[in-house]
PDB file of N, CA and C in Angstrom:
ATOM      1  N   MET A   1     -90.143  45.369-203.460  1.00  0.00           N
ATOM      2  CA  MET A   1     -89.278  44.121-203.507  1.00  0.00           C
ATOM      3  C   MET A   1     -89.045  43.192-204.800  1.00  0.00           C
ATOM      4  N   SER A   2     -87.988  43.139-205.078  1.00  0.00           N
ATOM      5  CA  SER A   2     -87.191  42.332-206.198  1.00  0.00           C
ATOM      6  C   SER A   2     -87.733  41.178-206.436  1.00  0.00           C
ATOM      7  N   ARG A   3     -88.157  40.821-207.491  1.00  0.00           N
ATOM      8  CA  ARG A   3     -88.410  39.250-207.962  1.00  0.00           C
ATOM      9  C   ARG A   3     -87.410  38.275-207.327  1.00  0.00           C
ATOM     10  N   VAL A   4     -86.298  38.469-207.299  1.00  0.00           N
ATOM     11  CA  VAL A   4     -85.417  37.666-206.586  1.00  0.00           C
ATOM     12  C   VAL A   4     -85.722  37.828-204.897  1.00  0.00           C
ATOM     13  N   ARG A   5     -85.956  38.714-204.437  1.00  0.00           N
ATOM     14  CA  ARG A   5     -86.345  38.844-203.149  1.00  0.00           C
ATOM     15  C   ARG A   5     -87.654  38.019-202.822  1.00  0.00           C
ATOM     16  N   ASP A   6     -88.494  38.336-203.581  1.00  0.00           N
ATOM     17  CA  ASP A   6     -89.956  37.427-203.514  1.00  0.00           C
ATOM     18  C   ASP A   6     -89.464  36.272-203.309  1.00  0.00           C
ATOM     19  N   LEU A   7     -88.850  35.449-204.161  1.00  0.00           N
ATOM     20  CA  LEU A   7     -88.568  34.211-204.560  1.00  0.00           C
ATOM     21  C   LEU A   7     -87.620  33.539-203.244  1.00  0.00           C
ATOM     22  N   HIS A   8     -87.078  34.415-202.754  1.00  0.00           N
ATOM     23  CA  HIS A   8     -86.052  33.926-201.378  1.00  0.00           C
ATOM     24  C   HIS A   8     -87.033  33.997-200.242  1.00  0.00           C
ATOM     25  N   ALA A   9     -87.995  34.908-200.340  1.00  0.00           N
ATOM     26  CA  ALA A   9     -88.915  35.037-199.184  1.00  0.00           C
ATOM     27  C   ALA A   9     -89.810  33.669-199.199  1.00  0.00           C
ATOM     28  N   ALA A  10     -90.233  33.548-200.550  1.00  0.00           N
ATOM     29  CA  ALA A  10     -91.151  32.051-200.888  1.00  0.00           C
ATOM     30  C   ALA A  10     -90.383  31.177-200.105  1.00  0.00           C
ATOM     31  N   LEU A  11     -89.416  30.869-200.565  1.00  0.00           N
ATOM     32  CA  LEU A  11     -88.123  29.807-200.027  1.00  0.00           C
ATOM     33  C   LEU A  11     -88.325  29.416-198.606  1.00  0.00           C
ATOM     34  N   ARG A  12     -87.840  30.847-197.876  1.00  0.00           N
ATOM     35  CA  ARG A  12     -87.789  31.035-196.938  1.00  0.00           C
ATOM     36  C   ARG A  12     -89.179  30.455-196.198  1.00  0.00           C
ATOM     37  N   SER A  13     -90.231  30.942-196.546  1.00  0.00           N
ATOM     38  CA  SER A  13     -91.592  30.740-196.103  1.00  0.00           C
ATOM     39  C   SER A  13     -91.876  29.331-196.201  1.00  0.00           C
ATOM     40  N   SER A  14     -91.592  28.764-197.162  1.00  0.00           N
ATOM     41  CA  SER A  14     -91.665  27.271-197.432  1.00  0.00           C
ATOM     42  C   SER A  14     -91.062  26.172-196.456  1.00  0.00           C
ATOM     43  N   HIS A  15     -89.663  26.819-196.180  1.00  0.00           N
ATOM     44  CA  HIS A  15     -88.540  25.967-195.476  1.00  0.00           C
ATOM     45  C   HIS A  15     -89.430  25.875-193.980  1.00  0.00           C
ATOM     46  N   LEU A  16     -89.736  27.188-193.555  1.00  0.00           N
ATOM     47  CA  LEU A  16     -90.330  27.576-192.146  1.00  0.00           C
ATOM     48  C   LEU A  16     -91.605  26.432-191.968  1.00  0.00           C
ATOM     49  N   GLY A  17     -92.437  26.449-193.267  1.00  0.00           N
ATOM     50  CA  GLY A  17     -93.746  25.403-193.012  1.00  0.00           C
ATOM     51  C   GLY A  17     -93.352  24.231-192.881  1.00  0.00           C
ATOM     52  N   LEU A  18     -92.333  23.809-193.706  1.00  0.00           N
ATOM     53  CA  LEU A  18     -91.814  22.175-193.625  1.00  0.00           C
ATOM     54  C   LEU A  18     -91.369  21.813-192.302  1.00  0.00           C
ATOM     55  N   ALA A  19     -90.605  22.804-191.632  1.00  0.00           N
ATOM     56  CA  ALA A  19     -90.041  22.651-190.406  1.00  0.00           C
ATOM     57  C   ALA A  19     -91.020  22.685-189.396  1.00  0.00           C
ATOM     58  N   ASP A  20     -92.079  23.375-189.281  1.00  0.00           N
ATOM     59  CA  ASP A  20     -93.264  23.139-188.351  1.00  0.00           C
ATOM     60  C   ASP A  20     -93.629  21.700-188.471  1.00  0.00           C
ATOM     61  N   ALA A  21     -94.014  21.247-189.660  1.00  0.00           N
ATOM     62  CA  ALA A  21     -94.770  19.880-189.668  1.00  0.00           C
ATOM     63  C   ALA A  21     -93.544  18.900-189.305  1.00  0.00           C
ATOM     64  N   VAL A  22     -92.151  18.976-189.422  1.00  0.00           N
ATOM     65  CA  VAL A  22     -91.125  18.082-189.109  1.00  0.00           C
ATOM     66  C   VAL A  22     -90.945  17.791-187.468  1.00  0.00           C
ATOM     67  N   VAL A  23     -90.671  19.150-187.103  1.00  0.00           N
ATOM     68  CA  VAL A  23     -90.576  19.239-185.430  1.00  0.00           C
ATOM     69  C   VAL A  23     -91.022  18.127-184.444  1.00  0.00           C
ATOM     70  N   PRO A  24     -92.372  17.954-184.425  1.00  0.00           N
ATOM     71  CA  PRO A  24     -93.167  17.063-183.806  1.00  0.00           C
ATOM     72  C   PRO A  24     -92.776  15.597-184.215  1.00  0.00           C
ATOM     73  N   MET A  25     -92.021  15.199-185.295  1.00  0.00           N
ATOM     74  CA  MET A  25     -91.914  13.767-185.646  1.00  0.00           C
ATOM     75  C   MET A  25     -91.080  13.253-184.728  1.00  0.00           C
ATOM     76  N   THR A  26     -91.064  11.862-184.336  1.00  0.00           N
ATOM     77  CA  THR A  26     -90.120  11.202-183.618  1.00  0.00           C
ATOM     78  C   THR A  26     -89.015  10.721-184.177  1.00  0.00           C
ATOM     79  N   ALA A  27     -87.818  10.171-184.029  1.00  0.00           N
ATOM     80  CA  ALA A  27     -86.942   9.620-184.579  1.00  0.00           C
ATOM     81  C   ALA A  27     -87.329   8.474-185.592  1.00  0.00           C
ATOM     82  N   ASP A  28     -87.991   7.373-184.800  1.00  0.00           N
ATOM     83  CA  ASP A  28     -88.887   6.525-185.470  1.00  0.00           C
ATOM     84  C   ASP A  28     -89.407   6.925-186.663  1.00  0.00           C
ATOM     85  N   GLN A  29     -90.346   7.760-186.515  1.00  0.00           N
ATOM     86  CA  GLN A  29     -91.149   8.323-187.896  1.00  0.00           C
ATOM     87  C   GLN A  29     -90.385   8.934-188.816  1.00  0.00           C
ATOM     88  N   LEU A  30     -89.297   9.309-188.700  1.00  0.00           N
ATOM     89  CA  LEU A  30     -88.255   9.955-189.478  1.00  0.00           C
ATOM     90  C   LEU A  30     -87.765   8.900-190.256  1.00  0.00           C
ATOM     91  N   MET A  31     -87.532   7.797-189.753  1.00  0.00           N
ATOM     92  CA  MET A  31     -86.758   6.586-190.262  1.00  0.00           C
ATOM     93  C   MET A  31     -87.861   5.738-191.219  1.00  0.00           C
ATOM     94  N   GLU A  32     -89.244   5.899-191.157  1.00  0.00           N
ATOM     95  CA  GLU A  32     -90.074   5.431-192.001  1.00  0.00           C
ATOM     96  C   GLU A  32     -89.636   5.606-193.473  1.00  0.00           C
ATOM     97  N   ARG A  33     -90.364   4.784-194.192  1.00  0.00           N
ATOM     98  CA  ARG A  33     -90.332   4.776-195.712  1.00  0.00           C
ATOM     99  C   ARG A  33     -91.208   6.038-196.037  1.00  0.00           C
ATOM    100  N   SER A  34     -90.605   6.873-197.319  1.00  0.00           N
ATOM    101  CA  SER A  34     -91.704   8.106-197.694  1.00  0.00           C
ATOM    102  C   SER A  34     -92.212   7.541-198.752  1.00  0.00           C
ATOM    103  N   TYR A  35     -93.085   8.277-199.459  1.00  0.00           N
ATOM    104  CA  TYR A  35     -94.015   7.838-200.688  1.00  0.00           C
ATOM    105  C   TYR A  35     -92.805   7.441-201.586  1.00  0.00           C
ATOM    106  N   CYS A  36     -91.430   7.624-201.901  1.00  0.00           N
ATOM    107  CA  CYS A  36     -90.736   7.305-202.824  1.00  0.00           C
ATOM    108  C   CYS A  36     -90.048   6.170-202.013  1.00  0.00           C
ATOM    109  N   GLN A  37     -90.522   4.907-202.039  1.00  0.00           N
ATOM    110  CA  GLN A  37     -89.956   3.698-201.568  1.00  0.00           C
ATOM    111  C   GLN A  37     -88.695   3.713-201.139  1.00  0.00           C
ATOM    112  N   ASP A  38     -87.550   3.858-202.086  1.00  0.00           N
ATOM    113  CA  ASP A  38     -86.543   3.868-201.711  1.00  0.00           C
ATOM    114  C   ASP A  38     -85.640   4.743-200.573  1.00  0.00           C
ATOM    115  N   TRP A  39     -86.361   5.615-200.245  1.00  0.00           N
ATOM    116  CA  TRP A  39     -86.001   6.741-199.508  1.00  0.00           C
ATOM    117  C   TRP A  39     -86.649   6.938-197.967  1.00  0.00           C
ATOM    118  N   THR A  40     -86.431   7.218-196.998  1.00  0.00           N
ATOM    119  CA  THR A  40     -86.954   7.169-195.708  1.00  0.00           C
ATOM    120  C   THR A  40     -87.256   9.110-195.669  1.00  0.00           C
ATOM    121  N   ILE A  41     -88.012   9.108-194.744  1.00  0.00           N
ATOM    122  CA  ILE A  41     -88.346  10.800-194.730  1.00  0.00           C
ATOM    123  C   ILE A  41     -87.419  11.217-194.153  1.00  0.00           C
ATOM    124  N   ALA A  42     -86.661  10.760-193.482  1.00  0.00           N
ATOM    125  CA  ALA A  42     -85.170  11.545-193.035  1.00  0.00           C
ATOM    126  C   ALA A  42     -84.342  12.071-194.542  1.00  0.00           C
ATOM    127  N   GLN A  43     -84.399  10.896-195.311  1.00  0.00           N
ATOM    128  CA  GLN A  43     -83.566  11.069-196.472  1.00  0.00           C
ATOM    129  C   GLN A  43     -84.210  12.168-197.469  1.00  0.00           C
ATOM    130  N   LEU A  44     -85.507  11.954-197.628  1.00  0.00           N
ATOM    131  CA  LEU A  44     -86.148  12.811-198.204  1.00  0.00           C
ATOM    132  C   LEU A  44     -86.200  14.553-197.711  1.00  0.00           C
ATOM    133  N   LEU A  45     -86.012  14.555-196.585  1.00  0.00           N
ATOM    134  CA  LEU A  45     -86.150  15.891-195.917  1.00  0.00           C
ATOM    135  C   LEU A  45     -84.647  16.224-196.275  1.00  0.00           C
ATOM    136  N   SER A  46     -83.661  15.591-196.137  1.00  0.00           N
ATOM    137  CA  SER A  46     -82.116  16.092-196.296  1.00  0.00           C
ATOM    138  C   SER A  46     -82.234  16.356-197.921  1.00  0.00           C
ATOM    139  N   HIS A  47     -82.632  15.577-198.872  1.00  0.00           N
ATOM    140  CA  HIS A  47     -82.662  16.142-200.209  1.00  0.00           C
ATOM    141  C   HIS A  47     -82.996  17.488-200.316  1.00  0.00           C
ATOM    142  N   LEU A  48     -84.483  17.538-199.597  1.00  0.00           N
ATOM    143  CA  LEU A  48     -85.398  18.834-200.003  1.00  0.00           C
ATOM    144  C   LEU A  48     -84.195  20.187-199.273  1.00  0.00           C
ATOM    145  N   GLY A  49     -83.648  19.685-198.235  1.00  0.00           N
ATOM    146  CA  GLY A  49     -83.026  20.766-197.634  1.00  0.00           C
ATOM    147  C   GLY A  49     -81.742  21.266-198.324  1.00  0.00           C
ATOM    148  N   SER A  50     -81.183  20.269-199.008  1.00  0.00           N
ATOM    149  CA  SER A  50     -79.913  20.415-199.728  1.00  0.00           C
ATOM    150  C   SER A  50     -80.206  21.408-201.123  1.00  0.00           C
ATOM    151  N   GLY A  51     -81.433  20.862-201.823  1.00  0.00           N
ATOM    152  CA  GLY A  51     -81.956  21.637-202.908  1.00  0.00           C
ATOM    153  C   GLY A  51     -82.280  23.162-202.581  1.00  0.00           C
ATOM    154  N   ALA A  52     -82.690  23.238-201.233  1.00  0.00           N
ATOM    155  CA  ALA A  52     -83.615  24.632-201.184  1.00  0.00           C
ATOM    156  C   ALA A  52     -81.951  25.559-200.410  1.00  0.00           C
ATOM    157  N   GLU A  53     -80.851  24.853-199.877  1.00  0.00           N
ATOM    158  CA  GLU A  53     -79.695  25.714-199.436  1.00  0.00           C
ATOM    159  C   GLU A  53     -79.003  26.149-201.035  1.00  0.00           C
ATOM    160  N   ILE A  54     -78.803  25.128-201.966  1.00  0.00           N
ATOM    161  CA  ILE A  54     -78.406  25.466-203.229  1.00  0.00           C
ATOM    162  C   ILE A  54     -78.990  26.868-203.931  1.00  0.00           C
ATOM    163  N   PHE A  55     -80.560  26.448-203.827  1.00  0.00           N
ATOM    164  CA  PHE A  55     -81.284  27.416-204.649  1.00  0.00           C
ATOM    165  C   PHE A  55     -81.191  28.743-203.838  1.00  0.00           C
ATOM    166  N   GLY A  56     -80.989  28.709-202.503  1.00  0.00           N
ATOM    167  CA  GLY A  56     -80.878  29.856-201.869  1.00  0.00           C
ATOM    168  C   GLY A  56     -79.669  30.840-202.203  1.00  0.00           C
ATOM    169  N   LEU A  57     -78.582  30.144-202.270  1.00  0.00           N
ATOM    170  CA  LEU A  57     -77.088  30.604-202.672  1.00  0.00           C
ATOM    171  C   LEU A  57     -77.339  31.110-204.054  1.00  0.00           C
ATOM    172  N   PHE A  58     -78.049  30.482-204.850  1.00  0.00           N
ATOM    173  CA  PHE A  58     -78.176  31.171-206.237  1.00  0.00           C
ATOM    174  C   PHE A  58     -79.040  32.319-206.429  1.00  0.00           C
ATOM    175  N   LEU A  59     -80.032  32.327-205.302  1.00  0.00           N
ATOM    176  CA  LEU A  59     -80.968  33.616-205.459  1.00  0.00           C
ATOM    177  C   LEU A  59     -79.990  34.780-204.758  1.00  0.00           C
ATOM    178  N   GLU A  60     -79.219  34.202-203.532  1.00  0.00           N
ATOM    179  CA  GLU A  60     -78.463  35.373-203.188  1.00  0.00           C
ATOM    180  C   GLU A  60     -77.296  35.679-204.259  1.00  0.00           C
ATOM    181  N   ARG A  61     -76.910  35.015-205.139  1.00  0.00           N
ATOM    182  CA  ARG A  61     -75.806  35.588-206.004  1.00  0.00           C
ATOM    183  C   ARG A  61     -76.704  36.433-207.033  1.00  0.00           C
ATOM    184  N   LEU A  62     -77.801  36.095-207.513  1.00  0.00           N
ATOM    185  CA  LEU A  62     -78.592  36.809-208.350  1.00  0.00           C
ATOM    186  C   LEU A  62     -78.967  38.221-207.842  1.00  0.00           C
ATOM    187  N   ASP A  63     -79.441  38.249-206.695  1.00  0.00           N
ATOM    188  CA  ASP A  63     -79.749  39.579-205.952  1.00  0.00           C
ATOM    189  C   ASP A  63     -78.953  40.532-206.086  1.00  0.00           C
ATOM    190  N   GLY A  64     -79.194  41.813-206.791  1.00  0.00           N
ATOM    191  CA  GLY A  64     -78.482  42.976-207.159  1.00  0.00           C
ATOM    192  C   GLY A  64     -77.808  42.800-208.236  1.00  0.00           C
ATOM    193  N   ALA A  65     -78.118  41.555-209.168  1.00  0.00           N
ATOM    194  CA  ALA A  65     -77.358  41.321-210.468  1.00  0.00           C
ATOM    195  C   ALA A  65     -77.777  42.347-211.603  1.00  0.00           C
ATOM    196  N   SER A  66     -77.242  42.829-212.498  1.00  0.00           N
ATOM    197  CA  SER A  66     -77.546  43.598-213.453  1.00  0.00           C
ATOM    198  C   SER A  66     -78.783  42.677-214.445  1.00  0.00           C
ATOM    199  N   HIS A  67     -79.191  43.620-215.178  1.00  0.00           N
ATOM    200  CA  HIS A  67     -80.283  43.068-216.249  1.00  0.00           C
ATOM    201  C   HIS A  67     -79.407  42.025-217.105  1.00  0.00           C
ATOM    202  N   ALA A  68     -78.300  42.465-217.481  1.00  0.00           N
ATOM    203  CA  ALA A  68     -77.387  41.957-218.678  1.00  0.00           C
ATOM    204  C   ALA A  68     -76.539  40.462-217.991  1.00  0.00           C
ATOM    205  N   GLU A  69     -76.743  40.696-216.389  1.00  0.00           N
ATOM    206  CA  GLU A  69     -75.965  39.572-215.860  1.00  0.00           C
ATOM    207  C   GLU A  69     -77.313  38.419-215.530  1.00  0.00           C
ATOM    208  N   LEU A  70     -78.114  38.948-215.336  1.00  0.00           N
ATOM    209  CA  LEU A  70     -79.596  38.027-215.328  1.00  0.00           C
ATOM    210  C   LEU A  70     -79.836  37.022-216.631  1.00  0.00           C
ATOM    211  N   VAL A  71     -79.705  37.814-217.880  1.00  0.00           N
ATOM    212  CA  VAL A  71     -79.669  37.301-219.328  1.00  0.00           C
ATOM    213  C   VAL A  71     -78.526  36.389-219.601  1.00  0.00           C
ATOM    214  N   ALA A  72     -77.585  36.766-218.905  1.00  0.00           N
ATOM    215  CA  ALA A  72     -76.514  35.811-219.262  1.00  0.00           C
ATOM    216  C   ALA A  72     -76.567  34.289-218.368  1.00  0.00           C
ATOM    217  N   VAL A  73     -77.317  34.665-217.247  1.00  0.00           N
ATOM    218  CA  VAL A  73     -77.518  33.527-216.359  1.00  0.00           C
ATOM    219  C   VAL A  73     -78.686  32.452-217.087  1.00  0.00           C
ATOM    220  N   GLN A  74     -79.617  33.283-217.947  1.00  0.00           N
ATOM    221  CA  GLN A  74     -80.777  32.495-218.121  1.00  0.00           C
ATOM    222  C   GLN A  74     -80.053  31.799-219.514  1.00  0.00           C
ATOM    223  N   LEU A  75     -79.657  32.452-220.539  1.00  0.00           N
ATOM    224  CA  LEU A  75     -78.605  32.016-221.369  1.00  0.00           C
ATOM    225  C   LEU A  75     -77.954  30.705-221.434  1.00  0.00           C
ATOM    226  N   SER A  76     -77.112  30.868-220.444  1.00  0.00           N
ATOM    227  CA  SER A  76     -76.339  29.561-219.899  1.00  0.00           C
ATOM    228  C   SER A  76     -76.933  28.487-219.222  1.00  0.00           C
ATOM    229  N   GLY A  77     -78.291  28.408-219.151  1.00  0.00           N
ATOM    230  CA  GLY A  77     -78.975  27.491-218.821  1.00  0.00           C
ATOM    231  C   GLY A  77     -79.095  27.496-216.982  1.00  0.00           C
ATOM    232  N   GLY A  78     -78.522  28.654-216.433  1.00  0.00           N
ATOM    233  CA  GLY A  78     -78.873  28.887-215.125  1.00  0.00           C
ATOM    234  C   GLY A  78     -77.475  28.585-214.404  1.00  0.00           C
ATOM    235  N   SER A  79     -76.287  28.612-215.121  1.00  0.00           N
ATOM    236  CA  SER A  79     -75.257  28.647-214.358  1.00  0.00           C
ATOM    237  C   SER A  79     -74.841  29.864-213.752  1.00  0.00           C
ATOM    238  N   VAL A  80     -74.441  30.184-212.687  1.00  0.00           N
ATOM    239  CA  VAL A  80     -73.975  31.381-212.031  1.00  0.00           C
ATOM    240  C   VAL A  80     -72.380  31.386-211.657  1.00  0.00           C
ATOM    241  N   GLN A  81     -71.893  32.334-212.189  1.00  0.00           N
ATOM    242  CA  GLN A  81     -70.518  32.643-212.009  1.00  0.00           C
ATOM    243  C   GLN A  81     -70.046  33.292-210.921  1.00  0.00           C
ATOM    244  N   ALA A  82     -69.053  32.844-210.319  1.00  0.00           N
ATOM    245  CA  ALA A  82     -68.728  33.543-208.896  1.00  0.00           C
ATOM    246  C   ALA A  82     -68.303  34.736-209.257  1.00  0.00           C
TER     247      ALA A  82
END
């Protein structure tokens, strides 16, 4: 398994673990303040989910990329060209 696929598997595993923790929460619990006082738990979960989706797309783009493409991404500060 490639490094990119390992990262994608770790991201998926983390997502599933978080989902398992959230499923039993009630709507009222999701509207409570998180440790970040400006955000509710629901807002925090949305933020984490958005970041995970973006990172997942990034990983999908990198999967199968040549070594030269990976180096170019690294040198560009992480931006991936479609």
